[in-house]
């Protein structure tokens, strides 16, 4: 499954990742959402990481985790909350979101990809979020050594360090078709 996802989602990229760091590669895990057979398998596997947390709410990092959060909520039979990302890349609650978090006992933050934990930290900074967050989960963690950047546990289906800037000789480039 790792190879299937990596071949589908890994690509050359010239730009900056969510944390602002320059990169020459990217894992575009939103591509998984367009492959229905793969989407279901991914959602079930990431949902299995949440079961031990016994949560009543899944919270998506804006855009990146939206499809995954919705699918996981259906699998787990819990509610979900989507967040807004404004033009300045700040995260905010949609109407009623703060109240839903306040009424939650325990929640998990869902993202498709973790790297430097920038987006997860933005979610945790929202009022009421850090007090109720049990964990953060993702499909892929490309920088597992950054786990200390968050005050909550983190789990990913796949964990592998992948530098933001890979040399041309790096074996990851072999996944490109």
Protein backbone atom coordinates (compact mmCIF):
# COMPACT_ATOMS: atom_id res chain seq x y z
CA UNK A 1 0.00 0.00 0.00
CA UNK A 2 2.90 2.35 0.80
CA UNK A 3 4.26 2.08 -2.71
CA UNK A 4 0.81 2.62 -4.29
CA UNK A 5 0.21 5.78 -2.28
CA UNK A 6 3.73 7.07 -2.80
CA UNK A 7 3.59 6.55 -6.58
CA UNK A 8 0.24 8.34 -6.74
CA UNK A 9 1.13 11.27 -4.49
CA UNK A 10 4.87 11.97 -4.65
CA UNK A 11 5.91 14.66 -7.11
CA UNK A 12 8.54 17.23 -7.97
CA UNK A 13 7.68 20.62 -6.56
CA UNK A 14 9.31 24.02 -6.52
CA UNK A 15 7.85 26.13 -3.75
CA UNK A 16 7.26 26.30 -0.03
CA UNK A 17 5.51 23.79 2.20
CA UNK A 18 2.92 24.72 4.86
CA UNK A 19 5.66 25.52 7.38
CA UNK A 20 7.31 27.94 4.95
CA UNK A 21 10.34 25.79 4.16
CA UNK A 22 11.58 25.60 0.57
CA UNK A 23 11.01 22.21 -1.05
CA UNK A 24 11.72 20.38 -4.31
CA UNK A 25 9.26 17.55 -3.59
CA UNK A 26 5.75 17.17 -2.28
CA UNK A 27 3.37 14.44 -1.16
CA UNK A 28 -0.04 15.50 -2.49
CA UNK A 29 -2.18 13.12 -0.45
CA UNK A 30 -5.40 14.79 -1.57
CA UNK A 31 -4.96 12.68 -4.73
CA UNK A 32 -5.99 9.66 -2.67
CA UNK A 33 -9.49 11.14 -2.35
CA UNK A 34 -10.01 10.72 -6.11
CA UNK A 35 -9.28 6.98 -6.12
CA UNK A 36 -12.35 5.52 -4.41
CA UNK A 37 -10.96 2.03 -3.73
CA UNK A 38 -7.80 3.49 -2.22
CA UNK A 39 -9.66 6.24 -0.35
CA UNK A 40 -11.70 3.73 1.64
CA UNK A 41 -8.67 1.64 2.59
CA UNK A 42 -6.73 4.72 3.69
CA UNK A 43 -9.63 6.08 5.76
CA UNK A 44 -10.12 2.72 7.51
CA UNK A 45 -6.43 2.37 8.32
CA UNK A 46 -6.07 5.90 9.70
CA UNK A 47 -9.37 5.51 11.60
CA UNK A 48 -7.90 2.44 13.31
CA UNK A 49 -5.26 4.75 14.82
CA UNK A 50 -8.03 6.77 16.50
CA UNK A 51 -10.01 3.90 18.09
CA UNK A 52 -7.84 3.66 21.26
CA UNK A 53 -8.43 7.39 21.95
CA UNK A 54 -12.20 6.94 22.46
CA UNK A 55 -13.06 10.34 21.01
CA UNK A 56 -16.37 12.01 20.29
CA UNK A 57 -15.11 14.56 17.72
CA UNK A 58 -12.66 14.59 14.81
CA UNK A 59 -11.27 17.99 13.82
CA UNK A 60 -9.76 18.50 10.39
CA UNK A 61 -6.84 20.70 9.56
CA UNK A 62 -8.28 22.98 6.87
CA UNK A 63 -8.33 21.52 3.37
CA UNK A 64 -5.63 18.87 3.77
CA UNK A 65 -7.58 16.66 6.11
CA UNK A 66 -11.18 17.47 5.17
CA UNK A 67 -12.02 14.43 3.02
CA UNK A 68 -10.18 12.09 5.39
CA UNK A 69 -11.91 13.52 8.46
CA UNK A 70 -15.38 13.10 6.92
CA UNK A 71 -14.66 9.51 5.88
CA UNK A 72 -13.16 8.61 9.25
CA UNK A 73 -16.10 10.13 11.15
CA UNK A 74 -18.50 7.94 9.19
CA UNK A 75 -16.38 4.84 9.88
CA UNK A 76 -16.07 5.60 13.60
CA UNK A 77 -19.61 6.89 14.09
CA UNK A 78 -18.50 10.21 15.59
CA UNK A 79 -19.03 13.85 14.68
CA UNK A 80 -16.52 15.92 12.76
CA UNK A 81 -15.62 19.58 12.56
CA UNK A 82 -14.09 21.40 9.61
CA UNK A 83 -12.16 24.63 10.13
CA UNK A 84 -11.76 27.72 7.99
CA UNK A 85 -8.41 28.89 6.59
CA UNK A 86 -8.41 32.59 5.70
CA UNK A 87 -6.33 34.41 3.09
CA UNK A 88 -3.61 35.03 5.70
CA UNK A 89 -3.48 31.26 6.38
CA UNK A 90 -4.97 31.67 9.87
CA UNK A 91 -7.34 28.97 11.11
CA UNK A 92 -10.74 29.94 12.50
CA UNK A 93 -13.93 28.25 13.52
CA UNK A 94 -16.91 28.29 11.21
CA UNK A 95 -20.14 29.39 12.91
CA UNK A 96 -20.89 27.10 15.85
CA UNK A 97 -17.48 25.42 15.77
CA UNK A 98 -16.23 26.75 19.10
CA UNK A 99 -19.40 25.51 20.78
CA UNK A 100 -18.99 22.04 19.27
CA UNK A 101 -15.44 21.85 20.61
CA UNK A 102 -16.58 23.09 24.03
CA UNK A 103 -19.23 20.34 24.19
CA UNK A 104 -16.71 17.66 23.20
CA UNK A 105 -15.03 15.55 25.85
CA UNK A 106 -12.10 14.31 23.76
CA UNK A 107 -11.11 15.01 20.17
CA UNK A 108 -8.50 14.03 17.62
CA UNK A 109 -6.98 16.33 14.99
CA UNK A 110 -6.83 14.83 11.50
CA UNK A 111 -4.45 15.83 8.72
CA UNK A 112 -3.38 14.05 5.58
CA UNK A 113 0.33 14.83 6.07
CA UNK A 114 2.45 15.82 9.05
CA UNK A 115 5.84 17.41 8.62
CA UNK A 116 6.80 20.27 10.90
CA UNK A 117 3.42 20.24 12.70
CA UNK A 118 2.63 23.81 11.58
CA UNK A 119 -1.04 23.16 10.80
CA UNK A 120 -1.64 20.99 13.85
CA UNK A 121 -0.17 23.70 16.09
CA UNK A 122 -2.52 26.23 14.49
CA UNK A 123 -5.48 23.97 15.29
CA UNK A 124 -4.30 23.51 18.88
CA UNK A 125 -4.06 27.30 19.28
CA UNK A 126 -7.80 27.73 18.73
CA UNK A 127 -9.81 28.39 21.91
CA UNK A 128 -10.76 25.20 23.73
CA UNK A 129 -8.86 22.91 21.38
CA UNK A 130 -5.70 22.05 23.34
CA UNK A 131 -7.65 21.13 26.48
CA UNK A 132 -9.64 18.47 24.60
CA UNK A 133 -7.14 17.18 22.04
CA UNK A 134 -6.07 13.61 22.74
CA UNK A 135 -3.94 13.10 19.63
CA UNK A 136 -3.22 14.03 16.04
CA UNK A 137 -3.34 11.50 13.22
CA UNK A 138 -2.32 11.50 9.57
CA UNK A 139 -1.83 9.26 6.59
CA UNK A 140 1.85 10.11 6.36
CA UNK A 141 4.44 11.66 8.67
CA UNK A 142 7.41 12.77 6.63
CA UNK A 143 9.32 14.05 9.65
CA UNK A 144 8.78 11.72 12.65
CA UNK A 145 11.58 13.44 14.61
CA UNK A 146 9.30 16.49 14.96
CA UNK A 147 6.89 14.72 17.33
CA UNK A 148 8.25 16.77 20.22
CA UNK A 149 6.83 19.90 18.52
CA UNK A 150 3.35 18.99 19.78
CA UNK A 151 2.09 18.51 23.34
CA UNK A 152 -0.16 15.60 22.25
CA UNK A 153 0.52 12.13 20.90
CA UNK A 154 0.79 11.71 17.14
CA UNK A 155 0.16 8.69 14.96
CA UNK A 156 0.55 8.18 11.23
CA UNK A 157 -0.15 5.19 9.08
CA UNK A 158 3.24 5.67 7.41
CA UNK A 159 6.26 7.33 8.98
CA UNK A 160 9.41 8.08 7.04
CA UNK A 161 11.78 11.02 7.04
CA UNK A 162 11.77 12.69 3.64
CA UNK A 163 13.87 15.85 3.38
CA UNK A 164 12.22 18.94 1.94
CA UNK A 165 15.02 19.21 -0.60
CA UNK A 166 16.12 15.89 -2.04
CA UNK A 167 19.28 15.47 -4.14
CA UNK A 168 18.78 14.10 -7.65
CA UNK A 169 20.34 10.81 -6.51
CA UNK A 170 17.73 10.20 -3.79
CA UNK A 171 15.85 6.90 -4.26
CA UNK A 172 12.45 8.58 -3.70
CA UNK A 173 12.66 10.05 -7.21
CA UNK A 174 12.35 6.47 -8.48
CA UNK A 175 8.65 6.56 -7.56
CA UNK A 176 7.93 9.12 -10.29
CA UNK A 177 6.44 7.59 -13.42
